[in-house]
PDB file of N, CA and C in Angstrom:
ATOM      1  N   UNK A   1      15.400   9.146  22.129  1.00  0.00           N
ATOM      2  CA  UNK A   1      15.351   8.247  20.993  1.00  0.00           C
ATOM      3  C   UNK A   1      13.911   7.766  20.794  1.00  0.00           C
ATOM      4  N   UNK A   2      13.453   7.818  19.592  1.00  0.00           N
ATOM      5  CA  UNK A   2      12.114   7.368  19.267  1.00  0.00           C
ATOM      6  C   UNK A   2      12.091   5.849  19.166  1.00  0.00           C
ATOM      7  N   UNK A   3      11.128   5.227  19.835  1.00  0.00           N
ATOM      8  CA  UNK A   3      11.006   3.772  19.795  1.00  0.00           C
ATOM      9  C   UNK A   3      10.215   3.375  18.557  1.00  0.00           C
ATOM     10  N   UNK A   4      10.756   2.444  17.822  1.00  0.00           N
ATOM     11  CA  UNK A   4      10.094   1.961  16.619  1.00  0.00           C
ATOM     12  C   UNK A   4       9.470   0.603  16.883  1.00  0.00           C
ATOM     13  N   UNK A   5       8.303   0.427  16.344  1.00  0.00           N
ATOM     14  CA  UNK A   5       7.623  -0.865  16.385  1.00  0.00           C
ATOM     15  C   UNK A   5       7.099  -1.114  14.991  1.00  0.00           C
ATOM     16  N   UNK A   6       7.267  -2.335  14.529  1.00  0.00           N
ATOM     17  CA  UNK A   6       6.715  -2.655  13.217  1.00  0.00           C
ATOM     18  C   UNK A   6       5.989  -3.996  13.309  1.00  0.00           C
ATOM     19  N   UNK A   7       4.939  -4.100  12.524  1.00  0.00           N
ATOM     20  CA  UNK A   7       4.191  -5.350  12.432  1.00  0.00           C
ATOM     21  C   UNK A   7       4.616  -6.065  11.169  1.00  0.00           C
ATOM     22  N   UNK A   8       4.815  -7.355  11.287  1.00  0.00           N
ATOM     23  CA  UNK A   8       5.206  -8.195  10.152  1.00  0.00           C
ATOM     24  C   UNK A   8       4.263  -9.377  10.076  1.00  0.00           C
ATOM     25  N   UNK A   9       4.122  -9.887   8.888  1.00  0.00           N
ATOM     26  CA  UNK A   9       3.354 -11.122   8.743  1.00  0.00           C
ATOM     27  C   UNK A   9       4.189 -12.136   7.973  1.00  0.00           C
ATOM     28  N   UNK A  10       3.888 -13.388   8.250  1.00  0.00           N
ATOM     29  CA  UNK A  10       4.586 -14.484   7.585  1.00  0.00           C
ATOM     30  C   UNK A  10       3.527 -15.517   7.195  1.00  0.00           C
ATOM     31  N   UNK A  11       3.568 -15.930   5.948  1.00  0.00           N
ATOM     32  CA  UNK A  11       2.616 -16.926   5.453  1.00  0.00           C
ATOM     33  C   UNK A  11       3.372 -18.213   5.165  1.00  0.00           C
ATOM     34  N   UNK A  12       2.916 -19.293   5.786  1.00  0.00           N
ATOM     35  CA  UNK A  12       3.485 -20.615   5.549  1.00  0.00           C
ATOM     36  C   UNK A  12       2.300 -21.565   5.377  1.00  0.00           C
ATOM     37  N   UNK A  13       2.151 -22.093   4.174  1.00  0.00           N
ATOM     38  CA  UNK A  13       1.028 -22.992   3.905  1.00  0.00           C
ATOM     39  C   UNK A  13      -0.300 -22.294   4.140  1.00  0.00           C
ATOM     40  N   UNK A  14      -1.118 -22.865   5.014  1.00  0.00           N
ATOM     41  CA  UNK A  14      -2.440 -22.301   5.292  1.00  0.00           C
ATOM     42  C   UNK A  14      -2.442 -21.423   6.542  1.00  0.00           C
ATOM     43  N   UNK A  15      -1.254 -20.987   6.993  1.00  0.00           N
ATOM     44  CA  UNK A  15      -1.138 -20.206   8.226  1.00  0.00           C
ATOM     45  C   UNK A  15      -0.546 -18.828   7.953  1.00  0.00           C
ATOM     46  N   UNK A  16      -1.134 -17.828   8.590  1.00  0.00           N
ATOM     47  CA  UNK A  16      -0.598 -16.474   8.550  1.00  0.00           C
ATOM     48  C   UNK A  16      -0.302 -16.073   9.988  1.00  0.00           C
ATOM     49  N   UNK A  17       0.955 -15.751  10.273  1.00  0.00           N
ATOM     50  CA  UNK A  17       1.359 -15.334  11.610  1.00  0.00           C
ATOM     51  C   UNK A  17       1.661 -13.845  11.598  1.00  0.00           C
ATOM     52  N   UNK A  18       1.064 -13.116  12.549  1.00  0.00           N
ATOM     53  CA  UNK A  18       1.294 -11.691  12.706  1.00  0.00           C
ATOM     54  C   UNK A  18       2.232 -11.505  13.894  1.00  0.00           C
ATOM     55  N   UNK A  19       3.308 -10.737  13.698  1.00  0.00           N
ATOM     56  CA  UNK A  19       4.310 -10.537  14.739  1.00  0.00           C
ATOM     57  C   UNK A  19       4.642  -9.055  14.886  1.00  0.00           C
ATOM     58  N   UNK A  20       5.090  -8.697  16.094  1.00  0.00           N
ATOM     59  CA  UNK A  20       5.556  -7.351  16.382  1.00  0.00           C
ATOM     60  C   UNK A  20       7.069  -7.402  16.483  1.00  0.00           C
ATOM     61  N   UNK A  21       7.736  -6.408  15.901  1.00  0.00           N
ATOM     62  CA  UNK A  21       9.192  -6.335  15.984  1.00  0.00           C
ATOM     63  C   UNK A  21       9.605  -4.994  16.572  1.00  0.00           C
ATOM     64  N   UNK A  22      10.621  -5.062  17.455  1.00  0.00           N
ATOM     65  CA  UNK A  22      11.191  -3.865  18.075  1.00  0.00           C
ATOM     66  C   UNK A  22      12.707  -3.917  17.916  1.00  0.00           C
ATOM     67  N   UNK A  23      13.339  -2.753  17.787  1.00  0.00           N
ATOM     68  CA  UNK A  23      14.795  -2.752  17.619  1.00  0.00           C
ATOM     69  C   UNK A  23      15.503  -3.227  18.888  1.00  0.00           C
ATOM     70  N   UNK A  24      16.640  -3.891  18.708  1.00  0.00           N
ATOM     71  CA  UNK A  24      17.472  -4.319  19.827  1.00  0.00           C
ATOM     72  C   UNK A  24      18.564  -3.280  20.054  1.00  0.00           C
ATOM     73  N   UNK A  25      19.384  -3.518  21.060  1.00  0.00           N
ATOM     74  CA  UNK A  25      20.516  -2.619  21.319  1.00  0.00           C
ATOM     75  C   UNK A  25      21.558  -2.706  20.208  1.00  0.00           C
ATOM     76  N   UNK A  26      21.584  -3.862  19.534  1.00  0.00           N
ATOM     77  CA  UNK A  26      22.508  -4.031  18.418  1.00  0.00           C
ATOM     78  C   UNK A  26      21.951  -3.348  17.177  1.00  0.00           C
ATOM     79  N   UNK A  27      22.821  -2.721  16.479  1.00  0.00           N
ATOM     80  CA  UNK A  27      22.414  -1.982  15.287  1.00  0.00           C
ATOM     81  C   UNK A  27      21.833  -2.919  14.221  1.00  0.00           C
ATOM     82  N   UNK A  28      20.745  -2.494  13.610  1.00  0.00           N
ATOM     83  CA  UNK A  28      20.097  -3.213  12.517  1.00  0.00           C
ATOM     84  C   UNK A  28      19.558  -4.595  12.895  1.00  0.00           C
ATOM     85  N   UNK A  29      19.276  -4.834  14.179  1.00  0.00           N
ATOM     86  CA  UNK A  29      18.673  -6.096  14.591  1.00  0.00           C
ATOM     87  C   UNK A  29      17.341  -5.817  15.274  1.00  0.00           C
ATOM     88  N   UNK A  30      16.421  -6.747  15.117  1.00  0.00           N
ATOM     89  CA  UNK A  30      15.081  -6.603  15.669  1.00  0.00           C
ATOM     90  C   UNK A  30      14.701  -7.853  16.458  1.00  0.00           C
ATOM     91  N   UNK A  31      13.983  -7.633  17.577  1.00  0.00           N
ATOM     92  CA  UNK A  31      13.398  -8.739  18.333  1.00  0.00           C
ATOM     93  C   UNK A  31      11.990  -8.954  17.823  1.00  0.00           C
ATOM     94  N   UNK A  32      11.625 -10.213  17.637  1.00  0.00           N
ATOM     95  CA  UNK A  32      10.302 -10.555  17.119  1.00  0.00           C
ATOM     96  C   UNK A  32       9.488 -11.248  18.207  1.00  0.00           C
ATOM     97  N   UNK A  33       8.237 -10.811  18.335  1.00  0.00           N
ATOM     98  CA  UNK A  33       7.296 -11.453  19.243  1.00  0.00           C
ATOM     99  C   UNK A  33       6.046 -11.791  18.433  1.00  0.00           C
ATOM    100  N   UNK A  34       5.762 -13.079  18.295  1.00  0.00           N
ATOM    101  CA  UNK A  34       4.554 -13.489  17.583  1.00  0.00           C
ATOM    102  C   UNK A  34       3.329 -13.101  18.400  1.00  0.00           C
ATOM    103  N   UNK A  35       2.301 -12.583  17.720  1.00  0.00           N
ATOM    104  CA  UNK A  35       1.103 -12.094  18.389  1.00  0.00           C
ATOM    105  C   UNK A  35      -0.069 -13.041  18.196  1.00  0.00           C
ATOM    106  N   UNK A  36      -0.327 -13.386  16.943  1.00  0.00           N
ATOM    107  CA  UNK A  36      -1.518 -14.159  16.616  1.00  0.00           C
ATOM    108  C   UNK A  36      -1.247 -14.988  15.368  1.00  0.00           C
ATOM    109  N   UNK A  37      -1.962 -16.091  15.271  1.00  0.00           N
ATOM    110  CA  UNK A  37      -1.851 -16.919  14.070  1.00  0.00           C
ATOM    111  C   UNK A  37      -3.255 -17.200  13.549  1.00  0.00           C
ATOM    112  N   UNK A  38      -3.417 -16.996  12.257  1.00  0.00           N
ATOM    113  CA  UNK A  38      -4.667 -17.301  11.577  1.00  0.00           C
ATOM    114  C   UNK A  38      -4.431 -18.559  10.749  1.00  0.00           C
ATOM    115  N   UNK A  39      -5.336 -19.523  10.857  1.00  0.00           N
ATOM    116  CA  UNK A  39      -5.191 -20.763  10.090  1.00  0.00           C
ATOM    117  C   UNK A  39      -6.457 -21.005   9.280  1.00  0.00           C
ATOM    118  N   UNK A  40      -6.268 -21.258   8.002  1.00  0.00           N
ATOM    119  CA  UNK A  40      -7.390 -21.587   7.127  1.00  0.00           C
ATOM    120  C   UNK A  40      -7.611 -23.090   7.193  1.00  0.00           C
ATOM    121  N   UNK A  41      -8.698 -23.471   7.857  1.00  0.00           N
ATOM    122  CA  UNK A  41      -9.036 -24.882   8.042  1.00  0.00           C
ATOM    123  C   UNK A  41     -10.491 -25.092   7.628  1.00  0.00           C
ATOM    124  N   UNK A  42     -10.728 -26.033   6.744  1.00  0.00           N
ATOM    125  CA  UNK A  42     -12.087 -26.323   6.250  1.00  0.00           C
ATOM    126  C   UNK A  42     -12.763 -25.067   5.705  1.00  0.00           C
ATOM    127  N   UNK A  43     -11.998 -24.272   4.954  1.00  0.00           N
ATOM    128  CA  UNK A  43     -12.484 -23.054   4.296  1.00  0.00           C
ATOM    129  C   UNK A  43     -12.889 -21.951   5.271  1.00  0.00           C
ATOM    130  N   UNK A  44     -12.464 -22.036   6.526  1.00  0.00           N
ATOM    131  CA  UNK A  44     -12.745 -20.993   7.513  1.00  0.00           C
ATOM    132  C   UNK A  44     -11.454 -20.624   8.239  1.00  0.00           C
ATOM    133  N   UNK A  45     -11.348 -19.331   8.570  1.00  0.00           N
ATOM    134  CA  UNK A  45     -10.192 -18.842   9.304  1.00  0.00           C
ATOM    135  C   UNK A  45     -10.411 -19.046  10.792  1.00  0.00           C
ATOM    136  N   UNK A  46      -9.465 -19.733  11.431  1.00  0.00           N
ATOM    137  CA  UNK A  46      -9.476 -19.915  12.878  1.00  0.00           C
ATOM    138  C   UNK A  46      -8.355 -19.065  13.459  1.00  0.00           C
ATOM    139  N   UNK A  47      -8.571 -18.561  14.674  1.00  0.00           N
ATOM    140  CA  UNK A  47      -7.613 -17.677  15.318  1.00  0.00           C
ATOM    141  C   UNK A  47      -6.954 -18.418  16.488  1.00  0.00           C
ATOM    142  N   UNK A  48      -5.616 -18.296  16.563  1.00  0.00           N
ATOM    143  CA  UNK A  48      -4.833 -18.942  17.618  1.00  0.00           C
ATOM    144  C   UNK A  48      -3.984 -17.896  18.335  1.00  0.00           C
ATOM    145  N   UNK A  49      -3.906 -18.006  19.659  1.00  0.00           N
ATOM    146  CA  UNK A  49      -3.081 -17.120  20.480  1.00  0.00           C
ATOM    147  C   UNK A  49      -1.818 -17.862  20.899  1.00  0.00           C
ATOM    148  N   UNK A  50      -0.727 -17.138  21.013  1.00  0.00           N
ATOM    149  CA  UNK A  50       0.544 -17.717  21.452  1.00  0.00           C
ATOM    150  C   UNK A  50       0.484 -17.912  22.960  1.00  0.00           C
ATOM    151  N   UNK A  51       0.727 -19.147  23.424  1.00  0.00           N
ATOM    152  CA  UNK A  51       0.695 -19.415  24.860  1.00  0.00           C
ATOM    153  C   UNK A  51       2.079 -19.704  25.425  1.00  0.00           C
ATOM    154  N   UNK A  52       2.970 -20.240  24.619  1.00  0.00           N
ATOM    155  CA  UNK A  52       4.350 -20.517  25.007  1.00  0.00           C
ATOM    156  C   UNK A  52       5.185 -20.494  23.731  1.00  0.00           C
ATOM    157  N   UNK A  53       6.498 -20.602  23.903  1.00  0.00           N
ATOM    158  CA  UNK A  53       7.346 -20.698  22.721  1.00  0.00           C
ATOM    159  C   UNK A  53       6.880 -21.862  21.862  1.00  0.00           C
ATOM    160  N   UNK A  54       6.600 -21.572  20.615  1.00  0.00           N
ATOM    161  CA  UNK A  54       6.190 -22.580  19.627  1.00  0.00           C
ATOM    162  C   UNK A  54       4.893 -23.305  19.963  1.00  0.00           C
ATOM    163  N   UNK A  55       4.084 -22.772  20.888  1.00  0.00           N
ATOM    164  CA  UNK A  55       2.794 -23.389  21.191  1.00  0.00           C
ATOM    165  C   UNK A  55       1.677 -22.365  21.011  1.00  0.00           C
ATOM    166  N   UNK A  56       0.647 -22.802  20.313  1.00  0.00           N
ATOM    167  CA  UNK A  56      -0.498 -21.956  20.019  1.00  0.00           C
ATOM    168  C   UNK A  56      -1.747 -22.609  20.572  1.00  0.00           C
ATOM    169  N   UNK A  57      -2.724 -21.781  20.944  1.00  0.00           N
ATOM    170  CA  UNK A  57      -3.992 -22.285  21.467  1.00  0.00           C
ATOM    171  C   UNK A  57      -5.143 -21.656  20.691  1.00  0.00           C
ATOM    172  N   UNK A  58      -6.074 -22.487  20.261  1.00  0.00           N
ATOM    173  CA  UNK A  58      -7.256 -22.014  19.539  1.00  0.00           C
ATOM    174  C   UNK A  58      -8.057 -21.076  20.440  1.00  0.00           C
ATOM    175  N   UNK A  59      -8.456 -19.928  19.903  1.00  0.00           N
ATOM    176  CA  UNK A  59      -9.229 -18.937  20.650  1.00  0.00           C
ATOM    177  C   UNK A  59     -10.716 -19.234  20.438  1.00  0.00           C
ATOM    178  N   UNK A  60     -11.309 -19.848  21.434  1.00  0.00           N
ATOM    179  CA  UNK A  60     -12.700 -20.301  21.319  1.00  0.00           C
ATOM    180  C   UNK A  60     -13.716 -19.161  21.260  1.00  0.00           C
ATOM    181  N   UNK A  61     -13.383 -17.997  21.821  1.00  0.00           N
ATOM    182  CA  UNK A  61     -14.337 -16.883  21.825  1.00  0.00           C
ATOM    183  C   UNK A  61     -14.463 -16.219  20.457  1.00  0.00           C
ATOM    184  N   UNK A  62     -13.586 -16.581  19.521  1.00  0.00           N
ATOM    185  CA  UNK A  62     -13.675 -16.069  18.150  1.00  0.00           C
ATOM    186  C   UNK A  62     -14.044 -17.241  17.250  1.00  0.00           C
ATOM    187  N   UNK A  63     -15.282 -17.268  16.812  1.00  0.00           N
ATOM    188  CA  UNK A  63     -15.766 -18.371  15.973  1.00  0.00           C
ATOM    189  C   UNK A  63     -15.075 -18.375  14.624  1.00  0.00           C
ATOM    190  N   UNK A  64     -14.761 -19.554  14.091  1.00  0.00           N
ATOM    191  CA  UNK A  64     -14.184 -19.640  12.748  1.00  0.00           C
ATOM    192  C   UNK A  64     -15.083 -18.934  11.734  1.00  0.00           C
ATOM    193  N   UNK A  65     -14.455 -18.295  10.745  1.00  0.00           N
ATOM    194  CA  UNK A  65     -15.208 -17.536   9.750  1.00  0.00           C
ATOM    195  C   UNK A  65     -14.509 -17.603   8.394  1.00  0.00           C
ATOM    196  N   UNK A  66     -15.297 -17.523   7.334  1.00  0.00           N
ATOM    197  CA  UNK A  66     -14.749 -17.451   5.981  1.00  0.00           C
ATOM    198  C   UNK A  66     -14.161 -16.068   5.703  1.00  0.00           C
ATOM    199  N   UNK A  67     -14.535 -15.073   6.501  1.00  0.00           N
ATOM    200  CA  UNK A  67     -14.143 -13.678   6.301  1.00  0.00           C
ATOM    201  C   UNK A  67     -12.879 -13.360   7.100  1.00  0.00           C
ATOM    202  N   UNK A  68     -11.732 -13.329   6.418  1.00  0.00           N
ATOM    203  CA  UNK A  68     -10.466 -13.048   7.098  1.00  0.00           C
ATOM    204  C   UNK A  68     -10.472 -11.676   7.757  1.00  0.00           C
ATOM    205  N   UNK A  69     -11.011 -10.662   7.093  1.00  0.00           N
ATOM    206  CA  UNK A  69     -11.022  -9.309   7.645  1.00  0.00           C
ATOM    207  C   UNK A  69     -11.802  -9.246   8.957  1.00  0.00           C
ATOM    208  N   UNK A  70     -12.867 -10.015   9.051  1.00  0.00           N
ATOM    209  CA  UNK A  70     -13.639 -10.072  10.289  1.00  0.00           C
ATOM    210  C   UNK A  70     -12.773 -10.620  11.428  1.00  0.00           C
ATOM    211  N   UNK A  71     -12.008 -11.658  11.139  1.00  0.00           N
ATOM    212  CA  UNK A  71     -11.139 -12.254  12.156  1.00  0.00           C
ATOM    213  C   UNK A  71     -10.062 -11.253  12.595  1.00  0.00           C
ATOM    214  N   UNK A  72      -9.507 -10.546  11.634  1.00  0.00           N
ATOM    215  CA  UNK A  72      -8.498  -9.534  11.930  1.00  0.00           C
ATOM    216  C   UNK A  72      -9.074  -8.432  12.825  1.00  0.00           C
ATOM    217  N   UNK A  73     -10.313  -8.036  12.569  1.00  0.00           N
ATOM    218  CA  UNK A  73     -10.971  -7.017  13.393  1.00  0.00           C
ATOM    219  C   UNK A  73     -11.156  -7.512  14.826  1.00  0.00           C
ATOM    220  N   UNK A  74     -11.541  -8.781  15.009  1.00  0.00           N
ATOM    221  CA  UNK A  74     -11.671  -9.355  16.350  1.00  0.00           C
ATOM    222  C   UNK A  74     -10.355  -9.251  17.102  1.00  0.00           C
ATOM    223  N   UNK A  75      -9.266  -9.577  16.416  1.00  0.00           N
ATOM    224  CA  UNK A  75      -7.943  -9.520  17.047  1.00  0.00           C
ATOM    225  C   UNK A  75      -7.587  -8.075  17.383  1.00  0.00           C
ATOM    226  N   UNK A  76      -7.860  -7.167  16.485  1.00  0.00           N
ATOM    227  CA  UNK A  76      -7.537  -5.761  16.717  1.00  0.00           C
ATOM    228  C   UNK A  76      -8.303  -5.218  17.930  1.00  0.00           C
ATOM    229  N   UNK A  77      -9.577  -5.585  18.075  1.00  0.00           N
ATOM    230  CA  UNK A  77     -10.372  -5.136  19.222  1.00  0.00           C
ATOM    231  C   UNK A  77      -9.883  -5.792  20.510  1.00  0.00           C
ATOM    232  N   UNK A  78      -9.499  -7.051  20.451  1.00  0.00           N
ATOM    233  CA  UNK A  78      -8.918  -7.812  21.562  1.00  0.00           C
ATOM    234  C   UNK A  78      -9.647  -7.600  22.884  1.00  0.00           C
ATOM    235  N   UNK A  79     -10.931  -7.867  22.894  1.00  0.00           N
ATOM    236  CA  UNK A  79     -11.740  -7.675  24.092  1.00  0.00           C
ATOM    237  C   UNK A  79     -11.346  -8.598  25.240  1.00  0.00           C
ATOM    238  N   UNK A  80     -10.694  -9.700  24.946  1.00  0.00           N
ATOM    239  CA  UNK A  80     -10.270 -10.651  25.975  1.00  0.00           C
ATOM    240  C   UNK A  80      -8.855 -10.368  26.497  1.00  0.00           C
ATOM    241  N   UNK A  81      -8.128  -9.447  25.859  1.00  0.00           N
ATOM    242  CA  UNK A  81      -6.759  -9.129  26.275  1.00  0.00           C
ATOM    243  C   UNK A  81      -5.770 -10.249  25.994  1.00  0.00           C
ATOM    244  N   UNK A  82      -5.968 -10.973  24.900  1.00  0.00           N
ATOM    245  CA  UNK A  82      -5.118 -12.110  24.566  1.00  0.00           C
ATOM    246  C   UNK A  82      -3.914 -11.757  23.703  1.00  0.00           C
ATOM    247  N   UNK A  83      -4.025 -10.696  22.925  1.00  0.00           N
ATOM    248  CA  UNK A  83      -3.021 -10.437  21.894  1.00  0.00           C
ATOM    249  C   UNK A  83      -2.128  -9.227  22.176  1.00  0.00           C
ATOM    250  N   UNK A  84      -2.703  -8.136  22.569  1.00  0.00           N
ATOM    251  CA  UNK A  84      -1.957  -6.881  22.721  1.00  0.00           C
ATOM    252  C   UNK A  84      -1.650  -6.664  24.200  1.00  0.00           C
ATOM    253  N   UNK A  85      -0.516  -7.169  24.626  1.00  0.00           N
ATOM    254  CA  UNK A  85      -0.098  -7.071  26.022  1.00  0.00           C
ATOM    255  C   UNK A  85       0.452  -5.674  26.320  1.00  0.00           C
ATOM    256  N   UNK A  86       0.235  -5.212  27.523  1.00  0.00           N
ATOM    257  CA  UNK A  86       0.750  -3.892  27.923  1.00  0.00           C
ATOM    258  C   UNK A  86       2.197  -3.986  28.341  1.00  0.00           C
TER     259      UNK A  86
END
């Protein structure tokens, strides 16, 4: 059986949350794991990592930026190993 993974995003107010979804054993159901949250604060995008259920921590190694794509690239590279767990 081929394993499916899909990335989803959710926008609420000034926050964009990126999540990974994988199929469950139940038909047509998916488990969601939040990966990263981007928050637009003072006209700059700040990056937050999930540390616990419903708790986020500001990622200090990624400086706030007006350029959302730049922030997304930092997350994709994930040099600190904060977002893409093995």
